[in-house]
N, C-alpha and C. Protein backbone atom coordinates (compact mmCIF):
# COMPACT_ATOMS: atom_id res chain seq x y z
N UNK A 1 -38.48 -12.46 -46.09
CA UNK A 1 -38.56 -11.24 -46.09
C UNK A 1 -38.16 -10.38 -47.76
N UNK A 2 -38.87 -9.54 -48.96
CA UNK A 2 -38.07 -9.11 -50.17
C UNK A 2 -38.08 -7.40 -48.89
N UNK A 3 -36.83 -7.01 -50.56
CA UNK A 3 -35.76 -6.10 -49.94
C UNK A 3 -35.99 -4.83 -49.97
N UNK A 4 -37.45 -4.54 -50.64
CA UNK A 4 -38.77 -3.45 -50.76
C UNK A 4 -39.79 -3.37 -49.75
N UNK A 5 -39.94 -4.22 -49.11
CA UNK A 5 -40.63 -4.52 -47.86
C UNK A 5 -40.45 -3.95 -46.42
N UNK A 6 -38.03 -4.11 -47.02
CA UNK A 6 -38.13 -4.02 -45.22
C UNK A 6 -38.82 -2.53 -44.49
N UNK A 7 -38.42 -1.61 -44.71
CA UNK A 7 -38.59 -0.84 -44.22
C UNK A 7 -40.09 -0.63 -43.71
N UNK A 8 -41.05 -1.08 -44.83
CA UNK A 8 -42.57 -0.68 -44.49
C UNK A 8 -42.64 -2.05 -43.17
N UNK A 9 -41.97 -3.28 -43.08
CA UNK A 9 -42.37 -4.06 -41.97
C UNK A 9 -41.86 -3.74 -40.80
N UNK A 10 -40.78 -2.91 -40.70
CA UNK A 10 -40.14 -2.12 -39.26
C UNK A 10 -40.80 -1.04 -39.20
N UNK A 11 -41.65 -0.29 -39.60
CA UNK A 11 -41.61 1.04 -39.36
C UNK A 11 -42.94 0.74 -38.66
N UNK A 12 -43.18 1.64 -37.35
CA UNK A 12 -44.40 1.77 -36.24
C UNK A 12 -45.25 1.51 -37.01
N UNK A 13 -46.14 2.52 -38.39
CA UNK A 13 -47.43 2.44 -38.81
C UNK A 13 -47.52 1.01 -38.79
N UNK A 14 -47.03 0.21 -39.02
CA UNK A 14 -46.65 -1.54 -39.92
C UNK A 14 -46.82 -2.90 -38.61
N UNK A 15 -46.41 -1.53 -37.35
CA UNK A 15 -45.74 -2.68 -36.30
C UNK A 15 -47.39 -2.22 -34.98
N UNK A 16 -48.12 -1.55 -35.49
CA UNK A 16 -49.04 -0.93 -34.76
C UNK A 16 -50.43 -1.52 -35.44
N UNK A 17 -50.31 -1.58 -36.87
CA UNK A 17 -51.16 -2.22 -37.23
C UNK A 17 -51.69 -3.69 -37.27
N UNK A 18 -50.72 -4.27 -37.00
CA UNK A 18 -49.84 -5.43 -36.78
C UNK A 18 -50.60 -5.65 -35.48
N UNK A 19 -50.45 -5.38 -34.48
CA UNK A 19 -50.42 -5.79 -32.92
C UNK A 19 -52.47 -5.46 -33.03
N UNK A 20 -52.76 -4.10 -33.76
CA UNK A 20 -54.23 -4.40 -33.45
C UNK A 20 -54.89 -4.79 -34.06
N UNK A 21 -54.79 -5.66 -35.15
CA UNK A 21 -55.67 -6.15 -35.61
C UNK A 21 -55.00 -7.44 -34.78
N UNK A 22 -54.12 -8.45 -34.37
CA UNK A 22 -53.77 -9.41 -33.52
C UNK A 22 -54.81 -9.22 -32.81
N UNK A 23 -54.64 -8.59 -32.09
CA UNK A 23 -55.92 -7.62 -30.44
C UNK A 23 -57.16 -8.19 -31.40
N UNK A 24 -57.64 -7.58 -32.22
CA UNK A 24 -59.31 -7.31 -33.23
C UNK A 24 -59.55 -9.04 -33.40
N UNK A 25 -58.96 -10.06 -33.66
CA UNK A 25 -58.95 -11.04 -33.98
C UNK A 25 -58.26 -11.84 -32.37
N UNK A 26 -58.25 -11.18 -31.55
CA UNK A 26 -57.90 -11.83 -30.02
C UNK A 26 -56.92 -13.49 -30.36
N UNK A 27 -56.27 -13.07 -31.05
CA UNK A 27 -55.02 -13.56 -30.57
C UNK A 27 -55.19 -15.11 -31.70
N UNK A 28 -56.00 -15.27 -32.01
CA UNK A 28 -56.79 -16.99 -32.52
C UNK A 28 -56.46 -16.79 -34.33
N UNK A 29 -55.65 -18.45 -34.69
CA UNK A 29 -55.33 -18.62 -35.77
C UNK A 29 -56.49 -18.18 -36.77
N UNK A 30 -57.06 -17.88 -37.79
CA UNK A 30 -58.21 -17.71 -38.19
C UNK A 30 -58.19 -18.66 -39.33
N UNK A 31 -57.59 -19.27 -39.42
CA UNK A 31 -57.85 -20.25 -40.27
C UNK A 31 -57.95 -21.42 -39.65
N UNK A 32 -57.51 -22.01 -38.93
CA UNK A 32 -57.92 -23.22 -37.89
C UNK A 32 -58.62 -22.67 -36.50
N UNK A 33 -59.20 -21.45 -36.28
CA UNK A 33 -60.55 -21.59 -35.96
C UNK A 33 -62.24 -21.23 -36.69
N UNK A 34 -61.78 -20.77 -38.50
CA UNK A 34 -62.53 -21.73 -39.13
C UNK A 34 -62.83 -23.20 -38.68
N UNK A 35 -62.09 -24.41 -39.44
CA UNK A 35 -62.28 -25.38 -38.20
C UNK A 35 -62.41 -25.73 -37.17
N UNK A 36 -62.65 -24.77 -36.27
CA UNK A 36 -63.31 -25.23 -34.67
C UNK A 36 -62.01 -25.68 -34.29
N UNK A 37 -61.11 -25.57 -34.70
CA UNK A 37 -59.70 -25.32 -33.40
C UNK A 37 -58.67 -24.28 -33.08
N UNK A 38 -58.96 -24.03 -31.76
CA UNK A 38 -58.00 -23.25 -31.07
C UNK A 38 -56.34 -22.60 -30.69
N UNK A 39 -56.04 -22.51 -31.78
CA UNK A 39 -54.58 -22.10 -31.52
C UNK A 39 -54.05 -20.72 -31.79
N UNK A 40 -52.77 -20.03 -31.15
CA UNK A 40 -53.15 -18.98 -31.74
C UNK A 40 -52.07 -18.68 -32.99
N UNK A 41 -53.08 -17.32 -32.97
CA UNK A 41 -52.05 -16.79 -34.48
C UNK A 41 -51.19 -15.84 -34.08
N UNK A 42 -49.66 -16.31 -34.87
CA UNK A 42 -48.80 -15.20 -34.54
C UNK A 42 -48.44 -14.44 -35.53
N UNK A 43 -48.46 -15.00 -37.45
CA UNK A 43 -47.71 -13.91 -38.64
C UNK A 43 -49.07 -12.59 -38.85
N UNK A 44 -49.21 -12.44 -38.84
CA UNK A 44 -50.14 -11.46 -39.74
C UNK A 44 -49.59 -11.38 -41.13
N UNK A 45 -51.11 -11.68 -41.74
CA UNK A 45 -50.79 -12.18 -43.01
C UNK A 45 -51.46 -11.17 -44.07
N UNK A 46 -50.89 -11.30 -45.37
CA UNK A 46 -51.49 -10.12 -46.55
C UNK A 46 -52.11 -11.31 -47.09
N UNK A 47 -53.46 -11.03 -47.36
CA UNK A 47 -54.55 -11.98 -49.03
C UNK A 47 -53.91 -11.64 -50.00
N UNK A 48 -53.70 -9.96 -49.90
CA UNK A 48 -53.00 -10.13 -51.52
C UNK A 48 -51.75 -9.60 -50.73
N UNK A 49 -50.62 -9.86 -51.65
CA UNK A 49 -49.00 -9.92 -51.42
C UNK A 49 -48.84 -8.69 -51.69
N UNK A 50 -47.60 -8.65 -51.29
CA UNK A 50 -47.96 -7.23 -50.50
C UNK A 50 -46.15 -7.34 -52.24
N UNK A 51 -45.89 -6.80 -53.26
CA UNK A 51 -45.24 -6.70 -54.25
C UNK A 51 -44.52 -4.87 -54.43
N UNK A 52 -43.59 -4.87 -54.89
CA UNK A 52 -43.22 -3.53 -55.47
C UNK A 52 -44.28 -2.19 -55.62
N UNK A 53 -44.85 -2.61 -56.73
CA UNK A 53 -45.82 -1.80 -56.93
C UNK A 53 -47.31 -1.39 -55.80
N UNK A 54 -47.55 -2.91 -55.20
CA UNK A 54 -48.56 -1.67 -53.94
C UNK A 54 -48.07 -1.41 -52.70
N UNK A 55 -46.21 -1.81 -52.76
CA UNK A 55 -46.12 -1.05 -51.28
C UNK A 55 -46.29 -0.05 -50.73
N UNK A 56 -47.06 1.30 -50.89
CA UNK A 56 -46.74 2.63 -50.80
C UNK A 56 -48.64 2.74 -50.97
N UNK A 57 -49.71 1.05 -50.90
CA UNK A 57 -50.56 1.32 -51.46
C UNK A 57 -51.56 0.77 -49.64
N UNK A 58 -51.89 2.01 -48.74
CA UNK A 58 -52.37 1.50 -48.09
C UNK A 58 -53.58 0.56 -47.44
N UNK A 59 -54.61 0.56 -49.39
CA UNK A 59 -55.42 -0.08 -48.82
C UNK A 59 -54.77 -1.78 -49.42
N UNK A 60 -53.82 -2.30 -49.62
CA UNK A 60 -52.66 -3.12 -49.97
C UNK A 60 -52.59 -3.69 -48.36
N UNK A 61 -51.55 -3.10 -47.83
CA UNK A 61 -50.24 -2.96 -46.61
C UNK A 61 -51.18 -2.80 -45.41
N UNK A 62 -52.86 -2.07 -44.85
CA UNK A 62 -53.18 -1.64 -43.26
C UNK A 62 -54.21 -1.40 -43.77
N UNK A 63 -54.71 -1.87 -44.36
CA UNK A 63 -56.10 -2.28 -44.26
C UNK A 63 -56.62 -3.85 -43.76
N UNK A 64 -57.15 -3.80 -42.76
CA UNK A 64 -57.56 -4.97 -42.02
C UNK A 64 -58.30 -5.41 -42.87
N UNK A 65 -59.57 -5.40 -43.72
CA UNK A 65 -59.88 -6.00 -45.00
C UNK A 65 -59.15 -7.03 -45.68
N UNK A 66 -57.40 -6.78 -45.50
CA UNK A 66 -56.48 -7.67 -46.29
C UNK A 66 -55.89 -8.39 -45.97
N UNK A 67 -56.04 -8.34 -44.38
CA UNK A 67 -54.74 -9.14 -43.78
C UNK A 67 -55.84 -10.50 -42.62
N UNK A 68 -54.88 -11.25 -42.58
CA UNK A 68 -55.57 -12.72 -42.06
C UNK A 68 -54.29 -12.89 -40.49
N UNK A 69 -54.67 -13.26 -39.40
CA UNK A 69 -53.78 -13.50 -38.67
C UNK A 69 -54.02 -15.57 -38.59
N UNK A 70 -52.68 -15.87 -38.97
CA UNK A 70 -52.21 -17.15 -38.78
C UNK A 70 -52.26 -17.99 -38.08
N UNK A 71 -51.58 -18.73 -37.72
CA UNK A 71 -50.41 -19.51 -36.97
C UNK A 71 -49.30 -19.91 -38.96
N UNK A 72 -47.97 -20.48 -37.69
CA UNK A 72 -46.88 -20.30 -38.30
C UNK A 72 -47.11 -21.62 -39.58
N UNK A 73 -47.72 -22.82 -39.52
CA UNK A 73 -48.80 -23.85 -39.83
C UNK A 73 -49.63 -23.27 -41.40
N UNK A 74 -50.23 -22.64 -41.53
CA UNK A 74 -51.41 -22.42 -42.09
C UNK A 74 -50.84 -21.12 -42.93
N UNK A 75 -49.93 -20.10 -42.45
CA UNK A 75 -48.54 -19.16 -43.08
C UNK A 75 -48.09 -20.08 -44.38
N UNK A 76 -47.52 -20.32 -43.78
CA UNK A 76 -46.61 -21.45 -44.58
C UNK A 76 -47.30 -22.16 -45.33
N UNK A 77 -48.62 -22.26 -45.47
CA UNK A 77 -49.56 -23.37 -46.34
C UNK A 77 -49.86 -22.67 -47.23
N UNK A 78 -50.16 -20.47 -46.83
CA UNK A 78 -50.71 -19.71 -47.51
C UNK A 78 -49.66 -18.80 -48.91
N UNK A 79 -48.29 -20.26 -48.11
CA UNK A 79 -47.01 -19.54 -49.58
C UNK A 79 -46.67 -20.68 -49.99
N UNK A 80 -47.10 -21.46 -50.26
CA UNK A 80 -47.01 -22.69 -50.25
C UNK A 80 -47.40 -22.33 -52.10
N UNK A 81 -46.79 -23.03 -53.34
CA UNK A 81 -47.23 -22.10 -54.22
C UNK A 81 -48.45 -23.46 -54.92
N UNK A 82 -48.83 -23.57 -55.36
CA UNK A 82 -50.45 -24.14 -55.77
C UNK A 82 -49.68 -25.27 -57.28
N UNK A 83 -50.33 -26.41 -57.07
CA UNK A 83 -49.94 -27.03 -58.04
C UNK A 83 -51.22 -27.40 -59.16
N UNK A 84 -51.02 -27.45 -60.49
CA UNK A 84 -52.35 -28.15 -60.89
C UNK A 84 -51.50 -29.26 -61.49
N UNK A 85 -53.09 -30.09 -61.46
CA UNK A 85 -52.65 -31.76 -62.63
C UNK A 85 -53.55 -32.08 -62.71
N UNK A 86 -53.22 -33.19 -63.93
CA UNK A 86 -55.03 -33.93 -64.24
C UNK A 86 -54.58 -35.26 -64.29
N UNK A 87 -55.29 -36.19 -64.67
CA UNK A 87 -54.67 -37.53 -64.05
C UNK A 87 -54.82 -38.55 -65.71
N UNK A 88 -54.30 -38.65 -66.64
CA UNK A 88 -54.02 -39.02 -67.77
C UNK A 88 -55.34 -40.38 -67.51
N UNK A 89 -55.54 -41.39 -69.11
CA UNK A 89 -56.03 -41.78 -69.32
C UNK A 89 -55.99 -43.71 -69.05
N UNK A 90 -54.72 -43.45 -67.95
CA UNK A 90 -54.48 -44.38 -67.29
C UNK A 90 -54.13 -44.67 -66.07
N UNK A 91 -54.92 -43.33 -65.21
CA UNK A 91 -54.97 -42.90 -63.78
C UNK A 91 -53.42 -42.55 -63.35
N UNK A 92 -52.24 -41.79 -63.88
CA UNK A 92 -51.09 -41.47 -64.26
C UNK A 92 -51.12 -39.55 -63.82
N UNK A 93 -50.89 -39.10 -62.25
CA UNK A 93 -50.91 -38.23 -62.32
C UNK A 93 -49.82 -37.43 -63.21
N UNK A 94 -50.56 -35.99 -63.62
CA UNK A 94 -49.73 -34.90 -64.80
C UNK A 94 -49.70 -33.97 -63.69
N UNK A 95 -48.54 -33.44 -63.27
CA UNK A 95 -48.26 -31.85 -62.69
C UNK A 95 -48.64 -30.76 -63.88
N UNK A 96 -49.01 -29.53 -64.42
CA UNK A 96 -49.29 -28.90 -65.48
C UNK A 96 -48.45 -26.99 -64.97
N UNK A 97 -47.36 -26.96 -65.17
CA UNK A 97 -46.94 -25.86 -64.66
C UNK A 97 -47.29 -24.74 -64.91
């Protein structure tokens, strides 16, 4: 958790929103459920990540449209950096930063 977001994540407003969203999604990981897998969701994830510029914008921080209930595995995947690559003429993978 970033320092600028600590107060937000500890706030009663976020805790109520998070709990209500988890109930709304019936406690199941949304990404797993879309694949037919029933796995408990444990983290309410912000699809558009919170930044210092958006921390006070309720359409980012508290809107159900920007939230997703995820299991720990799916949450880790959501925060994994995307790596781009190409394949050269010899079939060698070249990662692009």
